């Protein structure tokens, strides 16, 4: 337990050293375990933020209030079964992206750094609880801060795991999203070209 707490301390406050240690000593299953724990914490945070909103939106429906209350607490957990699929798919796609850019390393080390790179999001739970008592909602700003913090950790981890520069690690991380966005734009363009004659007749 003390070793795990030492890892957390180094990751949060000495990111370069901490992620280098994780890339050497941990594997994908360690990363997956951390990723799942953090995901559950984030889900609890979402529950704290969304339960009241869902309850207010559905309270006028002709259903028992107990059912609405139970549904408001259960809905944020619906995505939990998809978390393992998302994690392993992300690791595989990112590993391919790094190799395409010339990096060489083991996918197990990548899984470790990606999982541990999610650790800043554990602070979403106290932020979510604070948001219930503050006159403003800090969730949006906090999410941005934790995203940047997590990104720094992951870029450091990818750099150490594959022996590449920070710039190349950053490009590797965003490359799958850029490719996916480009494919989506191309699909929408082809769809628009295909549907244009039909829309012209309707108008």
Protein backbone atom coordinates (compact mmCIF):
# COMPACT_ATOMS: atom_id res chain seq x y z
CA UNK A 1 0.00 0.00 0.00
CA UNK A 2 2.83 2.39 0.88
CA UNK A 3 4.45 1.65 -2.49
CA UNK A 4 1.20 2.54 -4.27
CA UNK A 5 0.90 5.80 -2.32
CA UNK A 6 4.51 6.61 -3.20
CA UNK A 7 3.68 6.04 -6.86
CA UNK A 8 0.67 8.35 -6.59
CA UNK A 9 2.74 11.06 -4.92
CA UNK A 10 5.44 10.93 -7.58
CA UNK A 11 2.91 10.88 -10.42
CA UNK A 12 1.05 13.92 -9.10
CA UNK A 13 3.99 16.04 -8.00
CA UNK A 14 6.96 14.66 -9.97
CA UNK A 15 5.24 13.61 -13.22
CA UNK A 16 8.32 12.93 -15.33
CA UNK A 17 10.01 10.77 -12.68
CA UNK A 18 6.74 9.12 -11.62
CA UNK A 19 5.64 8.13 -15.12
CA UNK A 20 9.13 6.88 -15.97
CA UNK A 21 8.92 4.59 -12.94
CA UNK A 22 5.42 3.40 -13.92
CA UNK A 23 6.57 2.62 -17.46
CA UNK A 24 9.37 0.45 -16.06
CA UNK A 25 7.69 -1.34 -13.16
CA UNK A 26 3.99 -1.64 -14.01
CA UNK A 27 2.04 -3.46 -16.71
CA UNK A 28 -1.28 -3.07 -18.49
CA UNK A 29 -3.22 -4.86 -15.75
CA UNK A 30 -1.98 -2.43 -13.11
CA UNK A 31 -3.01 0.40 -15.42
CA UNK A 32 -6.40 -1.14 -16.06
CA UNK A 33 -7.09 -1.52 -12.33
CA UNK A 34 -6.24 2.14 -11.69
CA UNK A 35 -8.31 3.18 -14.71
CA UNK A 36 -11.35 1.28 -13.42
CA UNK A 37 -11.05 2.74 -9.90
CA UNK A 38 -10.75 6.27 -11.25
CA UNK A 39 -13.68 5.68 -13.61
CA UNK A 40 -15.88 4.58 -10.70
CA UNK A 41 -14.84 7.71 -8.75
CA UNK A 42 -15.68 9.93 -11.71
CA UNK A 43 -19.01 8.14 -12.04
CA UNK A 44 -19.77 8.83 -8.38
CA UNK A 45 -18.91 12.46 -9.02
CA UNK A 46 -21.31 12.55 -11.97
CA UNK A 47 -23.95 10.99 -9.77
CA UNK A 48 -23.51 13.77 -7.23
CA UNK A 49 -23.92 16.36 -9.99
CA UNK A 50 -26.62 14.77 -12.12
CA UNK A 51 -28.93 12.99 -9.70
CA UNK A 52 -30.71 16.17 -8.71
CA UNK A 53 -30.95 17.37 -12.32
CA UNK A 54 -32.45 14.09 -13.54
CA UNK A 55 -34.90 14.09 -10.64
CA UNK A 56 -36.08 17.60 -11.53
CA UNK A 57 -36.45 16.78 -15.25
CA UNK A 58 -38.61 13.68 -14.69
CA UNK A 59 -40.54 14.64 -11.57
CA UNK A 60 -43.58 15.81 -13.62
CA UNK A 61 -43.90 12.45 -15.37
CA UNK A 62 -46.76 10.19 -14.20
CA UNK A 63 -44.45 7.70 -12.45
CA UNK A 64 -43.70 7.14 -8.75
CA UNK A 65 -41.15 9.54 -7.28
CA UNK A 66 -39.25 6.58 -5.79
CA UNK A 67 -38.71 5.18 -9.30
CA UNK A 68 -37.44 8.53 -10.57
CA UNK A 69 -35.09 8.86 -7.63
CA UNK A 70 -33.71 5.36 -8.15
CA UNK A 71 -33.29 5.99 -11.87
CA UNK A 72 -31.45 9.28 -11.22
CA UNK A 73 -28.93 7.45 -9.07
CA UNK A 74 -28.50 4.49 -11.44
CA UNK A 75 -28.21 6.22 -14.84
CA UNK A 76 -24.62 7.54 -14.42
CA UNK A 77 -23.43 3.94 -13.92
CA UNK A 78 -24.80 2.69 -17.27
CA UNK A 79 -21.49 3.29 -19.05
CA UNK A 80 -19.39 1.26 -16.57
CA UNK A 81 -19.59 -2.04 -18.54
CA UNK A 82 -18.10 -0.24 -21.56
CA UNK A 83 -15.05 1.05 -19.68
CA UNK A 84 -12.88 -2.09 -20.15
CA UNK A 85 -13.63 -2.13 -23.88
CA UNK A 86 -12.77 1.56 -24.21
CA UNK A 87 -9.54 1.17 -22.24
CA UNK A 88 -8.11 -1.77 -24.17
CA UNK A 89 -9.25 -0.36 -27.52
CA UNK A 90 -7.60 2.98 -26.70
CA UNK A 91 -4.35 1.25 -25.73
CA UNK A 92 -4.30 -0.77 -28.97
CA UNK A 93 -5.06 2.21 -31.22
CA UNK A 94 -2.56 4.47 -29.47
CA UNK A 95 0.13 1.78 -29.65
CA UNK A 96 -0.40 1.62 -33.41
CA UNK A 97 -0.24 5.42 -33.68
CA UNK A 98 3.04 5.61 -31.76
CA UNK A 99 4.59 2.86 -33.89
CA UNK A 100 3.50 4.66 -37.06
CA UNK A 101 5.46 7.68 -35.83
CA UNK A 102 8.59 5.65 -35.21
CA UNK A 103 8.24 4.72 -31.55
CA UNK A 104 9.29 1.31 -30.27
CA UNK A 105 7.95 -0.16 -27.06
CA UNK A 106 5.68 -2.72 -25.44
CA UNK A 107 1.93 -2.31 -25.39
CA UNK A 108 1.85 -3.48 -21.76
CA UNK A 109 3.93 -0.47 -20.69
CA UNK A 110 1.61 1.83 -22.62
CA UNK A 111 -1.41 0.37 -20.82
CA UNK A 112 0.28 1.07 -17.50
CA UNK A 113 1.00 4.74 -18.21
CA UNK A 114 -2.44 5.38 -19.71
CA UNK A 115 -4.15 3.91 -16.67
CA UNK A 116 -2.02 5.78 -14.16
CA UNK A 117 -2.35 8.91 -16.27
CA UNK A 118 -6.02 9.06 -15.29
CA UNK A 119 -5.19 9.63 -11.61
CA UNK A 120 -5.82 13.43 -11.59
CA UNK A 121 -9.52 12.69 -12.22
CA UNK A 122 -9.84 11.25 -8.69
CA UNK A 123 -10.29 14.85 -7.59
CA UNK A 124 -13.56 15.03 -9.54
CA UNK A 125 -15.39 13.49 -6.58
CA UNK A 126 -14.63 16.29 -4.09
CA UNK A 127 -15.24 18.85 -6.84
CA UNK A 128 -18.64 17.27 -7.56
CA UNK A 129 -19.55 17.33 -3.89
CA UNK A 130 -18.42 20.95 -3.54
CA UNK A 131 -20.54 21.91 -6.55
CA UNK A 132 -23.68 20.98 -4.64
CA UNK A 133 -23.00 23.66 -2.02
CA UNK A 134 -21.36 26.42 -4.07
CA UNK A 135 -23.33 29.19 -5.82
CA UNK A 136 -21.59 28.20 -9.09
CA UNK A 137 -20.72 24.92 -10.76
CA UNK A 138 -16.93 24.35 -10.80
CA UNK A 139 -17.18 21.08 -12.74
CA UNK A 140 -16.45 22.50 -16.19
CA UNK A 141 -13.31 24.37 -15.16
CA UNK A 142 -12.11 21.47 -13.00
CA UNK A 143 -12.59 19.02 -15.88
CA UNK A 144 -10.41 21.19 -18.12
CA UNK A 145 -7.68 21.42 -15.45
CA UNK A 146 -7.72 17.66 -14.84
CA UNK A 147 -7.68 16.96 -18.59
CA UNK A 148 -4.53 19.05 -19.05
CA UNK A 149 -2.93 17.52 -15.95
CA UNK A 150 -3.77 14.02 -17.17
CA UNK A 151 -2.51 14.84 -20.66
CA UNK A 152 0.86 15.95 -19.27
CA UNK A 153 1.16 12.66 -17.37
CA UNK A 154 0.23 10.54 -20.39
CA UNK A 155 2.61 12.38 -22.73
CA UNK A 156 5.41 11.88 -20.22
CA UNK A 157 4.47 8.22 -19.92
CA UNK A 158 4.34 7.64 -23.68
CA UNK A 159 7.70 9.38 -24.07
CA UNK A 160 9.31 7.15 -21.44
CA UNK A 161 7.63 3.93 -22.61
CA UNK A 162 8.65 4.36 -26.27
CA UNK A 163 11.82 6.45 -26.03
CA UNK A 164 10.49 9.28 -28.20
CA UNK A 165 10.35 13.06 -27.80
CA UNK A 166 7.55 14.83 -25.93
CA UNK A 167 6.37 16.44 -29.17
CA UNK A 168 6.07 13.11 -30.94
CA UNK A 169 4.32 11.61 -27.91
CA UNK A 170 1.80 14.46 -27.96
CA UNK A 171 1.15 14.04 -31.69
CA UNK A 172 0.77 10.28 -31.20
CA UNK A 173 -1.82 10.82 -28.48
CA UNK A 174 -4.02 13.05 -30.65
CA UNK A 175 -3.42 11.29 -33.97
CA UNK A 176 -6.28 8.75 -33.56
CA UNK A 177 -8.72 11.59 -32.77
CA UNK A 178 -7.56 13.58 -35.80
CA UNK A 179 -7.95 10.55 -38.08
CA UNK A 180 -11.39 9.78 -36.64
CA UNK A 181 -12.50 13.39 -37.11
CA UNK A 182 -11.22 13.40 -40.71
CA UNK A 183 -13.10 10.18 -41.47
CA UNK A 184 -16.26 11.64 -39.96
CA UNK A 185 -15.94 14.79 -42.08
CA UNK A 186 -15.39 12.70 -45.23
CA UNK A 187 -18.40 10.54 -44.41
CA UNK A 188 -20.60 13.60 -43.93
CA UNK A 189 -19.35 15.11 -47.20
CA UNK A 190 -20.08 11.93 -49.16
CA UNK A 191 -23.45 11.65 -47.45
CA UNK A 192 -24.24 15.25 -48.39
CA UNK A 193 -23.24 14.63 -52.02
CA UNK A 194 -25.34 11.46 -52.14
CA UNK A 195 -28.41 13.10 -50.59
CA UNK A 196 -28.12 16.43 -52.45
CA UNK A 197 -30.31 15.38 -55.44
CA UNK A 198 -33.06 14.10 -53.14
CA UNK A 199 -32.97 17.22 -50.98
CA UNK A 200 -33.09 19.37 -54.13
CA UNK A 201 -36.29 17.65 -55.26
CA UNK A 202 -37.87 18.08 -51.84
CA UNK A 203 -37.05 21.79 -51.73
